[in-house]
Amino acid sequence: MRYLTLIASVLCILFSAEAALADKRVAFVVGNGAYKNVAQLPNPPVDAKAMAAVLRNVGFEVVEGSNLTRDKMTEKLLDFGKRAQGADVAVFYYAGHGIAISGTNYLLPVDADIKSEMDVKLGAAINIDLTLDQTMGDAKVKLVFLDACRDNPFAAKIKATATRSVAVGQGLAEMKSGEGTLIAFATGPGQTALDGQEGQNSPFTRALIAHITEPGVEIQQAMTEVRAQVNDETNKGQLPWGHTNLTGAVFLNPAVVHTASVTPAGNTPAPAAAPSGVGNDVEMEFWRSVKDSNKPEELNAYITNYPNGQFRSLAMSRLASLQSGGPKDSAKENGGKDMTRNLSAVDPATFTDEATQLTEDQIGLDKGQRRDVQRRLNGLGFDTKVTGTFNDDTRNVLRRWQAARGYPSSGYLNKLQHKALIAEIVSTTQTSSDESDKPRRSSGPPRHQGGGGGGGGGGPNPGAFMGGMIGGMMGGMMRR
């Protein structure tokens, strides 16, 4: 009977978790930073990208946008309003400039040019209260996150043109939530929030994406953790504020439900868990959304959310490559041809498995294959002589390649590293001398020759060199 009780409890949890994830979930996520008439904000588009990925990971249909004009923002809001009709959970997230005029809060499109209070009221800015009511009013649960508590960039202009006393405050004004609603601000009413380091998430958004989709954590508990994290990160300089009128528990990720079940021994209650792998699926979806990105801030967002994630090494390697200008510089060095790495083909174990003389011997590289490795290193901008022998010079070049890729840098190869090297797209330009061709070269100083497949100095037998090179390349292709 005890076993039956345990099984029944687990099944109930599984079904409840699946049912929760099957709810109609819709989100509006926008980050405005590229303002045309006031100082730009570097981080809101980064914040929005990360938030959109996090919400998609837990089943939200996301209406997403960055750097939207008034017309584009209206278009996105209309789309969101249609999709949110009858939604079980609707989320509204905005990062960017927001202003408070006479106690009413407004969001600023990137083309806003506000010279007076009248401009605001005639539509140059977006009234938050009206927007939330029109787009989310029909949703059962409404969650609002506003990372917009910054100084009013138009305050001086508005005050200068006012014909009467106009209340233009710092940050946003206090808002009350209706039934089934939670509203969260980056900081308290009338206060300003930090934007964070350029290219990274703001403290508030970083805390949101770290906690609101934690498995089995109820949203109000998550917001307590958000406040604690922001308060700690800013040395008590910023404390998120909110108002809630939720009438029940809300889980954005009910993958783990803290429900006690009877253990086989019948003595100690234990928390029952949903199927393993749900959390991994969330991380996997996040990684898929940024793995091909050329923006360091998006890769940083993954690393921030998953500091011990299964793709952390890949993210850090790609980030290092972007920060060093690897693909761009390689293109310059190789006749303008872009040489990108096929990161999706790299086994994560490549970043951790050590390479030694033994692992390299196990690959069984013959002289032609070693020459192919050396040519590939040259094509990637790691110059070495093409001799078919891995001497000290080649070992040093291999270490540099390994270090640049984030692999253990021993100067030796293992099967995974060799496979990763073969998978990289390389130029056919040869930039260093091929020692095997020395006997056929004419006397005189060697010359480097760009383009095609050539690479050695001018010798009487270029056909032999081309044949050898093509043979090596074909051999590499056959081995793939």
Protein backbone atom coordinates (compact mmCIF):
# COMPACT_ATOMS: atom_id res chain seq x y z
CA MET A 1 0.00 0.00 0.00
CA ARG A 2 2.85 2.34 0.84
CA TYR A 3 4.40 1.76 -2.56
CA LEU A 4 1.06 2.42 -4.24
CA THR A 5 0.74 5.67 -2.32
CA LEU A 6 4.22 6.70 -3.42
CA ILE A 7 3.50 5.89 -7.06
CA ALA A 8 0.18 7.73 -6.96
CA SER A 9 1.82 10.80 -5.44
CA VAL A 10 4.53 10.89 -8.09
CA LEU A 11 1.99 10.45 -10.91
CA CYS A 12 -0.12 13.31 -9.55
CA ILE A 13 2.94 15.53 -9.47
CA LEU A 14 3.95 14.59 -13.00
CA PHE A 15 0.49 15.31 -14.35
CA SER A 16 0.20 18.59 -12.45
CA ALA A 17 3.60 19.74 -13.73
CA GLU A 18 2.71 18.87 -17.31
CA ALA A 19 -0.67 20.55 -16.98
CA ALA A 20 0.94 23.71 -15.65
CA LEU A 21 3.38 23.83 -18.54
CA ALA A 22 0.48 23.22 -20.94
CA ASP A 23 -1.26 26.42 -19.78
CA LYS A 24 -1.62 29.23 -22.27
CA ARG A 25 1.35 31.45 -21.48
CA VAL A 26 2.06 34.67 -23.35
CA ALA A 27 4.71 37.31 -22.74
CA PHE A 28 5.57 40.78 -24.02
CA VAL A 29 9.32 41.42 -23.80
CA VAL A 30 10.87 44.66 -25.06
CA GLY A 31 14.19 46.39 -24.42
CA ASN A 32 14.67 49.96 -25.69
CA GLY A 33 18.16 51.41 -25.61
CA ALA A 34 19.04 53.05 -28.95
CA TYR A 35 17.29 56.36 -28.23
CA LYS A 36 17.53 59.01 -30.92
CA ASN A 37 16.99 62.17 -28.89
CA VAL A 38 18.43 61.35 -25.45
CA ALA A 39 21.33 59.38 -24.04
CA GLN A 40 21.33 55.77 -25.18
CA LEU A 41 21.14 52.80 -22.82
CA PRO A 42 23.42 49.89 -23.80
CA ASN A 43 21.84 47.13 -21.76
CA PRO A 44 18.04 46.98 -22.23
CA PRO A 45 18.21 45.06 -25.55
CA VAL A 46 20.57 42.58 -23.85
CA ASP A 47 18.18 42.28 -20.91
CA ALA A 48 15.20 41.67 -23.20
CA LYS A 49 17.02 39.00 -25.20
CA ALA A 50 17.90 37.09 -22.03
CA MET A 51 14.42 37.43 -20.55
CA ALA A 52 12.75 36.25 -23.77
CA ALA A 53 14.94 33.15 -23.84
CA VAL A 54 14.20 32.35 -20.18
CA LEU A 55 10.44 32.64 -20.68
CA ARG A 56 10.43 30.57 -23.87
CA ASN A 57 12.28 27.88 -21.95
CA VAL A 58 9.26 27.44 -19.65
CA GLY A 59 6.60 27.43 -22.34
CA PHE A 60 5.81 31.08 -23.01
CA GLU A 61 4.86 32.38 -26.42
CA VAL A 62 6.92 35.57 -26.54
CA VAL A 63 6.17 38.77 -28.44
CA GLU A 64 9.67 40.22 -28.48
CA GLY A 65 11.23 43.47 -29.65
CA SER A 66 14.28 45.70 -29.22
CA ASN A 67 14.77 49.40 -29.90
CA LEU A 68 11.19 49.96 -31.01
CA THR A 69 9.76 53.20 -32.35
CA ARG A 70 6.32 54.39 -31.27
CA ASP A 71 4.66 52.72 -34.27
CA LYS A 72 6.56 49.44 -33.87
CA MET A 73 5.87 49.34 -30.15
CA THR A 74 2.16 49.87 -30.76
CA GLU A 75 2.22 47.08 -33.33
CA LYS A 76 3.85 44.69 -30.85
CA LEU A 77 1.39 45.64 -28.12
CA LEU A 78 -1.59 44.98 -30.38
CA ASP A 79 -0.16 41.56 -31.24
CA PHE A 80 0.45 40.81 -27.56
CA GLY A 81 -3.07 41.91 -26.62
CA LYS A 82 -4.60 39.50 -29.14
CA ARG A 83 -2.45 36.59 -28.02
CA ALA A 84 -3.01 37.28 -24.32
CA GLN A 85 -6.79 36.99 -24.53
CA GLY A 86 -7.84 34.15 -22.25
CA ALA A 87 -4.24 33.45 -21.24
CA ASP A 88 -3.63 31.54 -18.03
CA VAL A 89 -0.46 33.58 -17.41
CA ALA A 90 0.56 36.82 -19.13
CA VAL A 91 3.93 38.48 -18.52
CA PHE A 92 4.82 42.07 -19.38
CA TYR A 93 8.53 42.90 -19.28
CA TYR A 94 10.04 46.21 -20.29
CA ALA A 95 13.58 47.55 -20.00
CA GLY A 96 14.49 51.06 -21.06
CA HIS A 97 13.57 54.64 -20.30
CA GLY A 98 10.36 55.30 -18.42
CA ILE A 99 9.03 58.54 -16.99
CA ALA A 100 6.49 59.61 -14.39
CA ILE A 101 4.38 62.70 -15.04
CA SER A 102 1.92 63.82 -12.37
CA GLY A 103 1.81 60.34 -10.85
CA THR A 104 1.27 58.47 -14.14
CA ASN A 105 3.96 56.22 -15.60
CA TYR A 106 4.94 56.15 -19.27
CA LEU A 107 7.31 54.02 -21.34
CA LEU A 108 9.46 55.71 -23.97
CA PRO A 109 9.87 54.43 -27.55
CA VAL A 110 13.30 55.07 -29.06
CA ASP A 111 11.99 57.88 -31.29
CA ALA A 112 10.38 59.82 -28.42
CA ASP A 113 11.12 63.55 -28.53
CA ILE A 114 9.22 65.07 -25.64
CA LYS A 115 9.25 68.81 -25.19
CA SER A 116 6.15 69.24 -23.04
CA GLU A 117 3.58 67.46 -20.92
CA MET A 118 1.20 67.71 -23.85
CA ASP A 119 3.54 65.61 -26.03
CA VAL A 120 3.35 62.86 -23.45
CA LYS A 121 -0.41 62.89 -23.17
CA LEU A 122 -0.93 63.03 -26.94
CA GLY A 123 0.91 59.79 -27.47
CA ALA A 124 4.67 60.40 -27.71
CA ALA A 125 5.01 58.05 -24.72
CA ILE A 126 3.04 54.95 -23.77
CA ASN A 127 0.79 55.04 -20.73
CA ILE A 128 1.57 51.94 -18.68
CA ASP A 129 -1.75 51.70 -16.83
CA LEU A 130 -3.83 51.88 -20.00
CA THR A 131 -1.50 49.49 -21.81
CA LEU A 132 -1.67 46.82 -19.12
CA ASP A 133 -5.42 47.11 -18.87
CA GLN A 134 -5.94 46.81 -22.63
CA THR A 135 -3.46 44.00 -23.30
CA MET A 136 -3.56 41.82 -20.18
CA GLY A 137 -6.95 42.54 -18.67
CA ASP A 138 -8.37 39.19 -19.80
CA ALA A 139 -5.51 37.04 -18.46
CA LYS A 140 -6.00 35.02 -15.29
CA VAL A 141 -2.56 35.81 -13.88
CA LYS A 142 -0.70 38.99 -14.80
CA LEU A 143 3.00 39.48 -13.99
CA VAL A 144 4.58 42.87 -14.73
CA PHE A 145 8.33 43.52 -14.53
CA LEU A 146 9.54 47.06 -15.17
CA ASP A 147 13.28 47.67 -15.43
CA ALA A 148 12.66 51.30 -16.31
CA CYS A 149 13.32 53.22 -13.10
CA ARG A 150 15.90 55.62 -14.51
CA ASP A 151 16.23 59.38 -14.49
CA ASN A 152 13.69 61.14 -16.68
CA PRO A 153 15.77 62.26 -19.68
CA PHE A 154 13.15 64.84 -20.69
CA ALA A 155 12.52 66.30 -17.24
CA ALA A 156 14.27 69.63 -17.88
CA LYS A 157 12.45 70.21 -21.20
CA ILE A 158 9.05 69.40 -19.71
CA LYS A 159 9.54 71.70 -16.75
CA ALA A 160 10.86 74.51 -18.96
CA THR A 161 7.76 74.51 -21.16
CA ALA A 162 5.15 73.89 -18.43
CA THR A 163 2.52 76.60 -17.99
CA ARG A 164 1.53 75.19 -14.62
CA SER A 165 3.10 73.13 -11.91
CA VAL A 166 3.93 69.71 -13.31
CA ALA A 167 5.18 66.89 -11.07
CA VAL A 168 8.13 65.33 -12.85
CA GLY A 169 9.87 62.90 -10.56
CA GLN A 170 12.79 60.53 -10.59
CA GLY A 171 12.13 56.92 -11.51
CA LEU A 172 8.56 55.67 -11.75
CA ALA A 173 5.54 56.43 -9.61
CA GLU A 174 3.91 53.86 -7.34
CA MET A 175 1.39 51.55 -9.00
CA LYS A 176 -1.29 49.36 -7.47
CA SER A 177 -1.97 45.88 -8.78
CA GLY A 178 -5.44 44.57 -9.51
CA GLU A 179 -6.73 41.10 -8.73
CA GLY A 180 -4.46 38.32 -9.96
CA THR A 181 -1.62 40.76 -10.67
CA LEU A 182 1.97 41.16 -9.51
CA ILE A 183 3.89 44.32 -10.40
CA ALA A 184 7.63 44.52 -9.77
CA PHE A 185 9.89 47.55 -10.20
CA ALA A 186 13.68 47.51 -10.41
CA THR A 187 13.71 49.82 -7.40
CA GLY A 188 11.35 51.76 -5.13
CA PRO A 189 8.92 54.45 -6.35
CA GLY A 190 10.66 57.74 -7.09
CA GLN A 191 14.10 56.12 -7.03
CA THR A 192 16.52 55.31 -9.84
CA ALA A 193 17.94 51.89 -10.69
CA LEU A 194 21.35 50.89 -11.96
CA ASP A 195 21.83 49.86 -15.58
CA GLY A 196 24.83 47.60 -14.86
CA GLN A 197 28.06 47.21 -16.79
CA GLU A 198 27.79 47.81 -20.51
CA GLY A 199 27.01 44.69 -22.48
CA GLN A 200 25.68 42.79 -19.47
CA ASN A 201 22.35 42.49 -17.70
CA SER A 202 21.15 45.07 -15.22
CA PRO A 203 21.17 43.90 -11.58
CA PHE A 204 17.37 43.62 -11.56
CA THR A 205 17.06 41.64 -14.79
CA ARG A 206 20.00 39.43 -13.88
CA ALA A 207 18.22 38.53 -10.64
CA LEU A 208 14.91 37.98 -12.43
CA ILE A 209 16.33 35.52 -14.95
CA ALA A 210 18.17 33.73 -12.16
CA HIS A 211 15.11 33.16 -9.95
CA ILE A 212 11.67 33.48 -11.55
CA THR A 213 11.94 30.17 -13.41
CA GLU A 214 13.70 28.22 -10.70
CA PRO A 215 12.10 24.76 -10.64
CA GLY A 216 9.37 24.52 -8.03
CA VAL A 217 9.77 28.08 -6.74
CA GLU A 218 6.57 30.10 -6.36
CA ILE A 219 6.73 33.55 -7.96
CA GLN A 220 6.40 35.53 -4.72
CA GLN A 221 9.16 33.49 -3.14
CA ALA A 222 11.23 34.08 -6.28
CA MET A 223 10.72 37.84 -5.97
CA THR A 224 11.98 37.71 -2.39
CA GLU A 225 15.14 36.10 -3.73
CA VAL A 226 15.34 38.75 -6.47
CA ARG A 227 15.19 41.55 -3.93
CA ALA A 228 17.87 39.92 -1.80
CA GLN A 229 20.21 39.41 -4.75
CA VAL A 230 19.87 42.98 -6.07
CA ASN A 231 20.25 44.46 -2.61
CA ASP A 232 23.41 42.42 -2.08
CA GLU A 233 24.92 43.07 -5.53
CA THR A 234 24.42 46.84 -5.23
CA ASN A 235 25.67 47.04 -1.63
CA LYS A 236 22.19 48.06 -0.48
CA GLY A 237 22.08 50.79 -3.10
CA GLN A 238 19.03 49.37 -4.89
CA LEU A 239 16.06 47.45 -3.51
CA PRO A 240 13.39 46.23 -5.95
CA TRP A 241 9.84 47.10 -5.00
CA GLY A 242 6.57 45.49 -5.88
CA HIS A 243 2.87 45.23 -5.27
CA THR A 244 0.94 42.00 -5.52
CA ASN A 245 -2.67 40.97 -5.49
CA LEU A 246 -2.29 37.35 -6.51
CA THR A 247 -5.00 35.04 -5.26
CA GLY A 248 -3.09 31.77 -5.54
CA ALA A 249 0.34 30.21 -5.93
CA VAL A 250 2.00 30.81 -9.31
CA PHE A 251 4.82 28.61 -10.60
CA LEU A 252 6.52 29.55 -13.87
CA ASN A 253 8.48 26.31 -13.76
CA PRO A 254 6.75 23.62 -11.68
CA ALA A 255 9.39 21.03 -12.57
CA VAL A 256 9.94 20.27 -8.89
CA VAL A 257 6.91 20.35 -6.63
CA HIS A 258 7.54 20.47 -2.90
CA THR A 259 4.87 17.96 -1.97
CA ALA A 260 5.54 15.40 0.71
CA SER A 261 5.02 11.76 -0.12
CA VAL A 262 5.36 8.62 1.98
CA THR A 263 8.70 6.87 1.66
CA PRO A 264 8.89 3.04 1.41
CA ALA A 265 9.96 2.93 5.04
CA GLY A 266 6.83 4.85 5.96
CA ASN A 267 8.62 7.06 8.46
CA THR A 268 10.18 10.13 6.83
CA PRO A 269 8.28 12.34 4.38
CA ALA A 270 10.30 13.33 1.33
CA PRO A 271 9.78 15.86 -1.45
CA ALA A 272 8.66 14.29 -4.69
CA ALA A 273 10.25 15.44 -7.90
CA ALA A 274 9.06 15.77 -11.44
CA PRO A 275 10.85 13.90 -14.20
CA SER A 276 14.55 14.50 -14.46
CA GLY A 277 15.65 16.39 -17.50
CA VAL A 278 13.08 19.21 -17.37
CA GLY A 279 15.69 21.61 -15.99
CA ASN A 280 18.17 20.40 -18.59
CA ASP A 281 15.63 21.08 -21.33
CA VAL A 282 15.33 24.65 -20.10
CA GLU A 283 19.08 25.12 -20.24
CA MET A 284 19.27 23.42 -23.63
CA GLU A 285 16.68 25.79 -25.09
CA PHE A 286 18.51 28.81 -23.66
CA TRP A 287 21.79 27.59 -25.18
CA ARG A 288 20.17 27.01 -28.56
CA SER A 289 18.93 30.59 -28.56
CA VAL A 290 22.43 32.06 -28.13
CA LYS A 291 24.93 29.46 -29.34
CA ASP A 292 25.30 30.98 -32.81
CA SER A 293 25.26 34.56 -31.59
CA ASN A 294 28.08 36.95 -32.41
CA LYS A 295 27.11 39.18 -29.48
CA PRO A 296 29.22 38.68 -26.32
CA GLU A 297 26.40 39.96 -24.13
CA GLU A 298 24.11 37.09 -25.16
CA LEU A 299 26.77 34.49 -24.38
CA ASN A 300 27.40 36.25 -21.06
CA ALA A 301 23.70 35.95 -20.32
CA TYR A 302 23.93 32.15 -20.65
CA ILE A 303 27.03 32.02 -18.43
CA THR A 304 25.29 34.22 -15.84
CA ASN A 305 22.19 32.02 -15.78
CA TYR A 306 24.07 28.72 -15.84
CA PRO A 307 27.48 29.27 -14.17
CA ASN A 308 27.91 25.48 -14.00
CA GLY A 309 25.99 24.72 -17.19
CA GLN A 310 26.83 21.88 -19.51
CA PHE A 311 27.68 24.32 -22.31
CA ARG A 312 29.66 26.77 -20.21
CA SER A 313 32.98 25.80 -21.81
CA LEU A 314 31.53 26.24 -25.28
CA ALA A 315 30.10 29.63 -24.34
CA MET A 316 33.38 30.81 -22.83
CA SER A 317 35.36 29.57 -25.81
CA ARG A 318 33.12 31.34 -28.29
CA LEU A 319 33.16 34.45 -26.10
CA ALA A 320 36.96 34.43 -26.03
CA SER A 321 37.05 34.04 -29.79
CA LEU A 322 34.69 36.99 -30.28
CA GLN A 323 36.54 39.19 -27.81
CA SER A 324 39.88 38.46 -29.46
CA GLY A 325 38.38 39.17 -32.87
CA GLY A 326 39.36 35.66 -33.95
CA PRO A 327 37.12 35.11 -36.98
CA LYS A 328 37.54 38.70 -38.13
CA ASP A 329 41.32 38.66 -37.82
CA SER A 330 41.57 35.24 -39.44
CA ALA A 331 39.65 36.50 -42.43
CA LYS A 332 42.17 39.30 -42.85
CA GLU A 333 45.08 36.92 -42.63
CA ASN A 334 43.61 34.50 -45.13
CA GLY A 335 42.71 36.52 -48.17
CA GLY A 336 39.53 37.95 -46.68
CA LYS A 337 37.92 34.52 -46.36
CA ASP A 338 35.84 33.99 -43.26
CA MET A 339 36.95 31.01 -41.19
CA THR A 340 34.34 30.29 -38.55
CA ARG A 341 34.28 27.46 -36.10
CA ASN A 342 31.54 24.87 -36.24
CA LEU A 343 30.87 25.07 -32.50
CA SER A 344 27.72 22.99 -32.72
CA ALA A 345 29.89 20.06 -33.85
CA VAL A 346 32.25 20.27 -30.87
CA ASP A 347 31.73 17.62 -28.22
CA PRO A 348 31.64 19.32 -24.78
CA ALA A 349 34.16 16.74 -23.55
CA THR A 350 36.69 18.34 -25.91
CA PHE A 351 37.03 21.14 -23.37
CA THR A 352 37.88 18.82 -20.49
CA ASP A 353 39.56 15.66 -21.80
CA GLU A 354 43.33 15.81 -21.53
CA ALA A 355 45.55 15.08 -24.55
CA THR A 356 48.88 13.27 -24.22
CA GLN A 357 51.39 11.50 -26.39
CA LEU A 358 49.40 8.32 -25.77
CA THR A 359 46.06 9.80 -26.89
CA GLU A 360 47.73 11.20 -29.99
CA ASP A 361 49.29 7.85 -30.80
CA GLN A 362 45.83 6.27 -30.51
CA ILE A 363 44.62 8.45 -33.39
CA GLY A 364 47.22 6.80 -35.62
CA LEU A 365 48.14 9.82 -37.74
CA ASP A 366 50.42 9.04 -40.65
CA LYS A 367 52.76 11.63 -42.18
CA GLY A 368 50.16 12.84 -44.65
CA GLN A 369 47.60 13.31 -41.92
CA ARG A 370 50.11 15.22 -39.81
CA ARG A 371 50.78 17.49 -42.77
CA ASP A 372 47.03 18.01 -43.05
CA VAL A 373 46.90 19.05 -39.37
CA GLN A 374 49.73 21.51 -39.95
CA ARG A 375 48.05 22.97 -43.02
CA ARG A 376 44.79 23.36 -41.11
CA LEU A 377 46.60 25.19 -38.31
CA ASN A 378 48.13 27.49 -40.93
CA GLY A 379 44.74 28.08 -42.50
CA LEU A 380 43.39 29.12 -39.11
CA GLY A 381 46.19 31.65 -38.61
CA PHE A 382 48.45 29.50 -36.39
CA ASP A 383 51.56 29.45 -38.57
CA THR A 384 53.78 26.40 -38.54
CA LYS A 385 55.96 24.62 -41.08
CA VAL A 386 54.32 21.80 -43.01
CA THR A 387 56.75 18.93 -42.53
CA GLY A 388 54.60 15.96 -41.55
CA THR A 389 56.55 15.83 -38.29
CA PHE A 390 55.28 17.22 -35.01
CA ASN A 391 58.44 18.89 -33.69
CA ASP A 392 58.74 21.47 -30.90
CA ASP A 393 57.53 24.22 -33.22
CA THR A 394 54.35 22.31 -34.07
CA ARG A 395 53.79 21.44 -30.41
CA ASN A 396 53.96 25.12 -29.48
CA VAL A 397 51.53 26.01 -32.26
CA LEU A 398 49.16 23.26 -31.12
CA ARG A 399 49.29 24.70 -27.60
CA ARG A 400 48.35 28.14 -28.93
CA TRP A 401 45.45 26.69 -30.93
CA GLN A 402 44.25 24.69 -27.93
CA ALA A 403 44.45 27.71 -25.62
CA ALA A 404 42.55 29.86 -28.10
CA ARG A 405 39.78 27.26 -28.27
CA GLY A 406 39.58 26.65 -24.54
CA TYR A 407 40.87 23.06 -24.81
CA PRO A 408 43.47 21.63 -22.38
CA SER A 409 46.70 22.96 -23.91
CA SER A 410 49.27 20.20 -23.82
CA GLY A 411 50.61 20.42 -27.37
CA TYR A 412 49.30 16.91 -28.08
CA LEU A 413 46.03 15.87 -29.71
CA ASN A 414 43.32 13.43 -28.70
CA LYS A 415 40.52 12.09 -30.89
CA LEU A 416 38.02 14.76 -29.86
CA GLN A 417 40.43 17.63 -30.46
CA HIS A 418 41.48 16.18 -33.81
CA LYS A 419 37.82 15.86 -34.80
CA ALA A 420 37.17 19.47 -33.71
CA LEU A 421 40.12 20.71 -35.75
CA ILE A 422 38.93 18.83 -38.85
CA ALA A 423 35.43 20.32 -38.36
CA GLU A 424 36.73 23.88 -38.44
CA ILE A 425 36.30 25.71 -41.73
CA VAL A 426 39.72 26.72 -42.99
CA SER A 427 41.11 28.75 -45.83
CA THR A 428 43.03 27.11 -48.63
CA THR A 429 45.63 29.87 -48.41
CA GLN A 430 49.01 28.54 -47.32
CA THR A 431 51.12 31.01 -45.40
CA SER A 432 54.14 29.04 -44.29
CA SER A 433 56.75 26.96 -46.00
CA ASP A 434 56.37 23.28 -46.71
CA GLU A 435 59.65 21.69 -45.70
CA SER A 436 59.03 18.61 -47.83
CA ASP A 437 59.31 20.74 -50.95
CA LYS A 438 62.71 22.21 -50.13
CA PRO A 439 64.74 19.83 -52.37
CA ARG A 440 62.67 20.98 -55.39
CA ARG A 441 63.03 24.69 -54.77
CA SER A 442 65.36 26.86 -56.73
CA SER A 443 68.18 28.60 -54.96
CA GLY A 444 67.43 31.96 -53.47
CA PRO A 445 65.28 33.14 -50.59
CA PRO A 446 61.91 31.46 -50.18
CA ARG A 447 58.84 33.51 -51.03
CA HIS A 448 55.31 33.34 -49.65
CA GLN A 449 52.62 33.25 -52.25
CA GLY A 450 48.97 33.94 -51.47
CA GLY A 451 45.81 32.59 -53.02
CA GLY A 452 44.73 29.24 -54.43
CA GLY A 453 46.39 26.27 -52.81
CA GLY A 454 49.95 27.51 -53.22
CA GLY A 455 52.10 28.32 -50.30
CA GLY A 456 55.76 27.59 -50.77
CA GLY A 457 58.31 29.59 -52.64
CA GLY A 458 58.55 29.37 -56.38
CA GLY A 459 60.00 25.97 -57.30
CA PRO A 460 60.43 24.03 -60.54
CA ASN A 461 57.77 21.49 -59.57
CA PRO A 462 54.60 23.31 -58.41
CA GLY A 463 52.44 20.44 -59.70
CA ALA A 464 53.97 18.05 -57.19
CA PHE A 465 53.22 20.47 -54.37
CA MET A 466 49.62 20.96 -55.51
CA GLY A 467 49.17 17.22 -55.87
CA GLY A 468 50.48 16.65 -52.36
CA MET A 469 48.28 19.34 -50.90
CA ILE A 470 45.15 18.18 -52.67
CA GLY A 471 45.92 14.61 -51.66
CA GLY A 472 46.25 15.69 -48.04
CA MET A 473 42.98 17.58 -48.19
CA MET A 474 41.19 14.69 -49.86
CA GLY A 475 42.58 12.35 -47.26
CA GLY A 476 41.24 14.59 -44.52
CA MET A 477 37.84 14.65 -46.19
CA MET A 478 37.78 10.85 -46.53
CA ARG A 479 38.65 10.47 -42.87
CA ARG A 480 35.65 12.59 -41.94
